[in-house]
Protein backbone atom coordinates (compact mmCIF):
# COMPACT_ATOMS: atom_id res chain seq x y z
CA UNK A 1 186.80 -5.64 23.33
CA UNK A 2 185.14 -2.33 22.93
CA UNK A 3 181.62 -2.87 21.66
CA UNK A 4 178.46 -2.75 23.74
CA UNK A 5 176.43 -5.86 23.00
CA UNK A 6 174.19 -8.53 24.47
CA UNK A 7 174.05 -8.13 28.28
CA UNK A 8 174.69 -11.81 28.98
CA UNK A 9 177.49 -12.08 26.42
CA UNK A 10 178.90 -8.76 27.65
CA UNK A 11 179.18 -10.07 31.21
CA UNK A 12 180.73 -13.33 30.05
CA UNK A 13 183.33 -11.42 28.06
CA UNK A 14 184.13 -9.14 31.00
CA UNK A 15 184.96 -12.06 33.27
CA UNK A 16 186.63 -14.02 30.47
CA UNK A 17 189.09 -11.17 29.88
CA UNK A 18 189.60 -10.80 33.62
CA UNK A 19 190.55 -14.47 33.86
CA UNK A 20 192.86 -14.09 30.86
CA UNK A 21 194.89 -11.22 32.34
CA UNK A 22 197.83 -13.35 33.46
CA UNK A 23 198.03 -15.13 30.11
CA UNK A 24 197.80 -11.85 28.23
CA UNK A 25 200.54 -10.38 30.42
CA UNK A 26 202.85 -13.28 29.58
CA UNK A 27 202.17 -12.92 25.87
CA UNK A 28 202.03 -9.14 25.51
CA UNK A 29 203.85 -7.80 28.56
CA UNK A 30 207.21 -7.07 26.94
CA UNK A 31 205.66 -5.34 23.92
CA UNK A 32 203.26 -3.31 26.04
CA UNK A 33 206.01 -2.22 28.42
CA UNK A 34 208.00 -0.94 25.47
CA UNK A 35 205.00 0.83 23.95
CA UNK A 36 203.57 2.42 27.10
CA UNK A 37 206.53 2.92 29.43
CA UNK A 38 207.43 6.38 28.13
CA UNK A 39 203.90 7.76 27.72
CA UNK A 40 202.97 11.02 29.49
CA UNK A 41 200.89 11.17 32.68
CA UNK A 42 197.64 11.80 30.79
CA UNK A 43 196.62 9.03 28.39
CA UNK A 44 193.48 8.31 26.38
CA UNK A 45 192.66 4.64 25.91
CA UNK A 46 190.06 3.28 23.52
CA UNK A 47 188.30 0.11 24.62
CA UNK A 48 190.29 -0.60 27.79
CA UNK A 49 187.94 -3.45 28.73
CA UNK A 50 188.66 -4.59 32.28
CA UNK A 51 192.02 -2.82 32.31
CA UNK A 52 194.80 -5.23 31.25
CA UNK A 53 196.97 -2.28 30.16
CA UNK A 54 196.84 -0.42 33.47
CA UNK A 55 199.83 -2.24 34.95
CA UNK A 56 202.07 -0.78 32.22
CA UNK A 57 201.20 2.88 32.81
CA UNK A 58 203.10 5.07 35.23
CA UNK A 59 201.54 5.23 38.68
CA UNK A 60 199.24 8.26 39.08
CA UNK A 61 198.59 8.35 35.34
CA UNK A 62 195.28 9.99 34.49
CA UNK A 63 193.50 7.67 32.09
CA UNK A 64 190.62 8.97 29.97
CA UNK A 65 188.99 5.65 29.11
CA UNK A 66 186.37 5.21 26.38
CA UNK A 67 184.62 1.92 27.17
CA UNK A 68 181.03 1.63 25.88
CA UNK A 69 180.51 -1.89 27.25
CA UNK A 70 179.09 -1.20 30.75
CA UNK A 71 179.77 -4.75 31.89
CA UNK A 72 183.50 -3.99 31.85
CA UNK A 73 183.20 -0.93 34.08
CA UNK A 74 183.23 -2.40 37.59
CA UNK A 75 186.33 -4.53 36.93
CA UNK A 76 188.03 -1.63 35.16
CA UNK A 77 187.45 0.61 38.18
CA UNK A 78 188.85 -2.04 40.54
CA UNK A 79 191.97 -2.46 38.40
CA UNK A 80 192.47 1.30 38.21
CA UNK A 81 192.35 1.57 41.99
CA UNK A 82 194.75 -1.36 42.37
CA UNK A 83 197.35 0.10 39.99
CA UNK A 84 197.04 3.68 41.22
CA UNK A 85 195.47 5.05 38.02
CA UNK A 86 193.18 8.07 38.05
CA UNK A 87 190.26 6.94 35.91
CA UNK A 88 188.02 9.22 33.85
CA UNK A 89 185.56 6.70 32.43
CA UNK A 90 183.41 7.63 29.42
CA UNK A 91 180.80 5.71 27.44
CA UNK A 92 181.10 7.16 23.95
CA UNK A 93 182.35 5.06 21.05
CA UNK A 94 185.77 5.21 19.44
CA UNK A 95 184.24 6.54 16.22
CA UNK A 96 183.11 9.74 17.95
CA UNK A 97 185.43 10.78 20.75
CA UNK A 98 184.16 13.36 23.20
CA UNK A 99 187.39 15.39 23.06
CA UNK A 100 188.41 18.68 21.40
CA UNK A 101 190.66 18.83 18.36
CA UNK A 102 194.41 18.60 19.07
CA UNK A 103 193.84 18.17 22.81
CA UNK A 104 195.79 15.06 23.92
CA UNK A 105 199.40 13.88 23.76
CA UNK A 106 198.89 10.12 23.84
CA UNK A 107 196.26 7.60 22.75
CA UNK A 108 196.41 3.84 23.25
CA UNK A 109 194.41 0.93 21.96
CA UNK A 110 195.13 -2.78 22.03
CA UNK A 111 193.02 -5.45 20.35
CA UNK A 112 190.32 -2.83 19.72
CA UNK A 113 190.54 -1.71 16.09
CA UNK A 114 189.36 -5.21 15.20
CA UNK A 115 186.04 -4.54 16.98
CA UNK A 116 184.98 -1.04 16.00
CA UNK A 117 182.27 -0.66 13.36
CA UNK A 118 184.25 1.88 11.34
CA UNK A 119 188.04 1.58 11.80
CA UNK A 120 188.81 4.31 9.25
CA UNK A 121 186.57 6.76 11.13
CA UNK A 122 188.14 5.67 14.43
CA UNK A 123 191.67 6.31 13.21
CA UNK A 124 190.53 9.66 11.80
CA UNK A 125 189.21 10.57 15.25
CA UNK A 126 192.52 9.54 16.81
CA UNK A 127 194.36 11.91 14.46
CA UNK A 128 191.84 14.67 15.13
CA UNK A 129 192.25 14.72 18.91
CA UNK A 130 196.02 14.19 18.99
CA UNK A 131 198.18 17.26 19.41
CA UNK A 132 200.83 17.85 16.73
CA UNK A 133 203.62 15.46 17.63
CA UNK A 134 201.24 13.38 19.75
CA UNK A 135 201.58 9.59 19.77
CA UNK A 136 199.16 6.76 19.08
CA UNK A 137 200.42 3.46 20.53
CA UNK A 138 198.74 0.30 19.24
CA UNK A 139 198.82 -3.48 19.34
CA UNK A 140 196.35 -5.41 17.18
CA UNK A 141 195.72 -8.79 15.64
CA UNK A 142 195.18 -8.59 11.88
CA UNK A 143 194.23 -10.54 8.78
CA UNK A 144 196.48 -13.36 7.64
CA UNK A 145 198.32 -13.44 4.33
CA UNK A 146 195.90 -13.96 1.44
CA UNK A 147 195.32 -17.57 0.32
CA UNK A 148 197.22 -18.94 3.32
CA UNK A 149 195.92 -21.73 5.53
CA UNK A 150 195.51 -19.24 8.35
CA UNK A 151 193.44 -16.94 6.12
CA UNK A 152 191.18 -19.91 5.37
CA UNK A 153 190.82 -20.60 9.10
CA UNK A 154 189.98 -16.96 9.80
CA UNK A 155 187.29 -17.03 7.14
CA UNK A 156 185.73 -20.24 8.47
CA UNK A 157 185.69 -19.10 12.12
CA UNK A 158 184.88 -15.45 11.52
CA UNK A 159 181.10 -15.58 11.98
CA UNK A 160 181.17 -17.36 15.34
CA UNK A 161 184.19 -15.39 16.57
CA UNK A 162 182.57 -12.09 15.52
CA UNK A 163 179.40 -12.94 17.46
CA UNK A 164 180.98 -14.22 20.65
CA UNK A 165 183.60 -11.47 20.95
CA UNK A 166 181.06 -8.73 20.25
CA UNK A 167 182.15 -7.55 16.84
CA UNK A 168 185.76 -8.72 16.64
CA UNK A 169 186.87 -9.11 13.01
CA UNK A 170 189.42 -11.84 12.37
CA UNK A 171 190.27 -10.67 8.86
CA UNK A 172 190.60 -6.89 9.16
CA UNK A 173 193.63 -5.34 7.41
CA UNK A 174 194.41 -2.85 10.17
CA UNK A 175 197.98 -2.38 8.99
CA UNK A 176 196.75 -0.98 5.67
CA UNK A 177 194.29 1.31 7.45
CA UNK A 178 197.07 2.79 9.57
CA UNK A 179 199.43 3.09 6.60
CA UNK A 180 196.79 5.05 4.70
CA UNK A 181 195.70 7.25 7.62
CA UNK A 182 198.08 10.14 7.00
CA UNK A 183 200.17 10.05 10.16
CA UNK A 184 203.35 12.09 9.98
CA UNK A 185 205.40 9.11 11.18
CA UNK A 186 204.39 5.47 11.48
CA UNK A 187 206.57 2.80 13.07
CA UNK A 188 204.73 -0.48 12.47
CA UNK A 189 205.97 -3.97 13.30
CA UNK A 190 204.36 -7.04 11.73
CA UNK A 191 204.89 -10.40 13.41
CA UNK A 192 203.37 -13.72 14.41
CA UNK A 193 202.28 -14.20 18.00
CA UNK A 194 202.57 -17.66 19.52
CA UNK A 195 199.17 -18.05 21.14
CA UNK A 196 196.56 -20.67 21.94
CA UNK A 197 194.12 -18.55 19.92
CA UNK A 198 195.17 -19.71 16.45
CA UNK A 199 193.01 -17.35 14.36
CA UNK A 200 194.76 -14.29 15.80
CA UNK A 201 198.38 -15.27 15.26
CA UNK A 202 199.18 -12.36 12.86
CA UNK A 203 199.83 -9.16 14.82
CA UNK A 204 201.00 -5.60 14.41
CA UNK A 205 202.27 -3.17 17.03
CA UNK A 206 203.93 0.22 17.03
CA UNK A 207 203.50 3.96 17.32
CA UNK A 208 202.08 6.57 14.99
CA UNK A 209 202.77 10.30 15.37
CA UNK A 210 200.57 13.14 14.21
């Protein structure tokens, strides 16, 4: 997750996500390999956490990583060294990227747009810093179909989930936000993920081009 929060909760989350890396690789590995395998050697990632995506980037990739939760930093640096990634670690939030207009070819975020305070502003920033023809690769959990049993579960668990996972929204319609963002091309897949975390079964993944 990408938000800076309570120092104790922040540390717990850092090590929780570290412990979950193998599980996340089993669940998301194929999709991430397809999304990230052809990216250029310089990539911007929003909310990389402890670095579960690093294994899918080309070796010697330069990663400009925006991770405002400082409790993720030490594990992220260790993972970057292990996978041969050149890490440029920055603290600013996804809503205000410290990058010039039209300056990068590729931006990645996974399970992050659920956590940012202003997802519309975040996506606007992504479009701003992408070069024409640049790609935004994403993988996110999203809100369930209205009036479904899963939507009811998301609503009931949202408050506790939002607190523990430092701002994660179970019922955010990220697909609609991306569809309305004004990308030149948007390839968006909607699907259900078989996972032990029942509230986040609905997912989207894909690529958007400026």
